[in-house]
């Protein structure tokens, strides 16, 4: 699997830098629009909470984009983190493909 060495932008970075700041929104305003507690948004913005399918659907509804945008952003970060963790890489490298019948 080919992965870049540069860490992808996190959900929190994108949420803050591409949505909240340009739109002049606070975390409290976003939390109200999402119907969640401000703590939920704060944890998303600070990368202490991951995007679930439900959160992706809510963010897509609030911002008018797709849930796939949010899920793919989370997935890219998750994959990069695992691929750049020596412990996780060793675990992955121990796996062997199954033999296939010809």
Protein backbone atom coordinates (compact mmCIF):
# COMPACT_ATOMS: atom_id res chain seq x y z
CA UNK A 1 0.00 0.00 0.00
CA UNK A 2 1.46 3.32 -1.04
CA UNK A 3 0.92 6.12 1.45
CA UNK A 4 2.32 9.61 1.52
CA UNK A 5 4.80 10.52 4.24
CA UNK A 6 2.98 13.80 4.81
CA UNK A 7 0.21 13.60 7.39
CA UNK A 8 -3.17 14.39 5.85
CA UNK A 9 -5.30 17.21 7.24
CA UNK A 10 -7.39 16.02 10.15
CA UNK A 11 -11.13 16.42 10.52
CA UNK A 12 -10.50 19.00 13.23
CA UNK A 13 -8.18 21.05 11.02
CA UNK A 14 -10.61 20.98 8.11
CA UNK A 15 -13.61 21.74 10.29
CA UNK A 16 -11.84 24.70 11.89
CA UNK A 17 -9.82 26.12 8.98
CA UNK A 18 -12.16 25.41 6.06
CA UNK A 19 -15.56 25.81 7.67
CA UNK A 20 -15.73 27.53 11.06
CA UNK A 21 -13.20 30.32 10.49
CA UNK A 22 -14.24 31.27 6.93
CA UNK A 23 -17.91 31.22 7.87
CA UNK A 24 -17.31 33.14 11.10
CA UNK A 25 -18.88 30.38 13.18
CA UNK A 26 -18.13 29.48 16.78
CA UNK A 27 -18.11 25.97 18.14
CA UNK A 28 -21.23 26.85 20.12
CA UNK A 29 -23.11 27.92 16.98
CA UNK A 30 -22.05 24.75 15.17
CA UNK A 31 -23.06 22.60 18.13
CA UNK A 32 -26.51 24.18 18.14
CA UNK A 33 -26.89 23.64 14.37
CA UNK A 34 -25.78 20.01 14.77
CA UNK A 35 -28.03 19.39 17.75
CA UNK A 36 -25.13 18.22 19.93
CA UNK A 37 -23.33 19.50 22.99
CA UNK A 38 -20.54 22.03 22.51
CA UNK A 39 -18.13 19.48 24.01
CA UNK A 40 -18.84 17.18 21.04
CA UNK A 41 -17.83 19.89 18.56
CA UNK A 42 -14.82 20.90 20.66
CA UNK A 43 -13.59 17.31 20.68
CA UNK A 44 -14.04 17.07 16.90
CA UNK A 45 -12.16 20.35 16.36
CA UNK A 46 -9.32 19.22 18.60
CA UNK A 47 -9.11 15.71 17.12
CA UNK A 48 -10.14 14.05 20.36
CA UNK A 49 -13.26 12.55 18.75
CA UNK A 50 -13.51 10.69 15.45
CA UNK A 51 -16.20 11.11 12.85
CA UNK A 52 -18.79 8.34 12.97
CA UNK A 53 -21.32 7.65 10.25
CA UNK A 54 -23.96 9.55 12.24
CA UNK A 55 -21.68 12.56 12.74
CA UNK A 56 -20.77 12.52 9.04
CA UNK A 57 -24.45 12.62 8.12
CA UNK A 58 -25.06 15.51 10.53
CA UNK A 59 -22.04 17.52 9.30
CA UNK A 60 -23.09 16.93 5.69
CA UNK A 61 -26.58 18.21 6.44
CA UNK A 62 -25.27 21.28 8.29
CA UNK A 63 -22.67 22.24 5.66
CA UNK A 64 -24.43 20.98 2.53
CA UNK A 65 -21.71 18.57 1.48
CA UNK A 66 -21.58 14.77 1.52
CA UNK A 67 -21.12 12.37 4.42
CA UNK A 68 -18.45 10.68 2.30
CA UNK A 69 -16.35 13.86 2.51
CA UNK A 70 -16.22 13.60 6.30
CA UNK A 71 -15.81 9.81 6.43
CA UNK A 72 -13.04 9.85 3.81
CA UNK A 73 -11.20 12.57 5.71
CA UNK A 74 -11.37 10.44 8.87
CA UNK A 75 -10.36 7.30 6.97
CA UNK A 76 -7.30 8.97 5.41
CA UNK A 77 -6.10 10.12 8.82
CA UNK A 78 -6.73 6.73 10.42
CA UNK A 79 -4.85 4.88 7.69
CA UNK A 80 -1.93 7.32 7.79
CA UNK A 81 -1.67 7.00 11.56
CA UNK A 82 -1.58 3.21 11.45
CA UNK A 83 0.83 3.08 8.51
CA UNK A 84 3.21 5.44 10.32
CA UNK A 85 3.13 3.63 13.66
CA UNK A 86 6.07 1.21 14.02
CA UNK A 87 4.05 -1.12 16.27
CA UNK A 88 1.10 -1.19 13.90
CA UNK A 89 3.37 -1.62 10.85
CA UNK A 90 5.05 -4.63 12.48
CA UNK A 91 1.62 -6.13 13.15
CA UNK A 92 0.53 -5.54 9.55
CA UNK A 93 3.81 -6.89 8.14
CA UNK A 94 3.29 -10.18 10.06
CA UNK A 95 0.10 -10.86 8.09
CA UNK A 96 0.44 -13.15 5.07
CA UNK A 97 -1.92 -13.49 2.11
CA UNK A 98 -3.95 -16.70 1.95
CA UNK A 99 -3.03 -19.15 -0.76
CA UNK A 100 -5.62 -19.17 -3.55
CA UNK A 101 -6.75 -22.27 -5.42
CA UNK A 102 -5.83 -22.29 -9.11
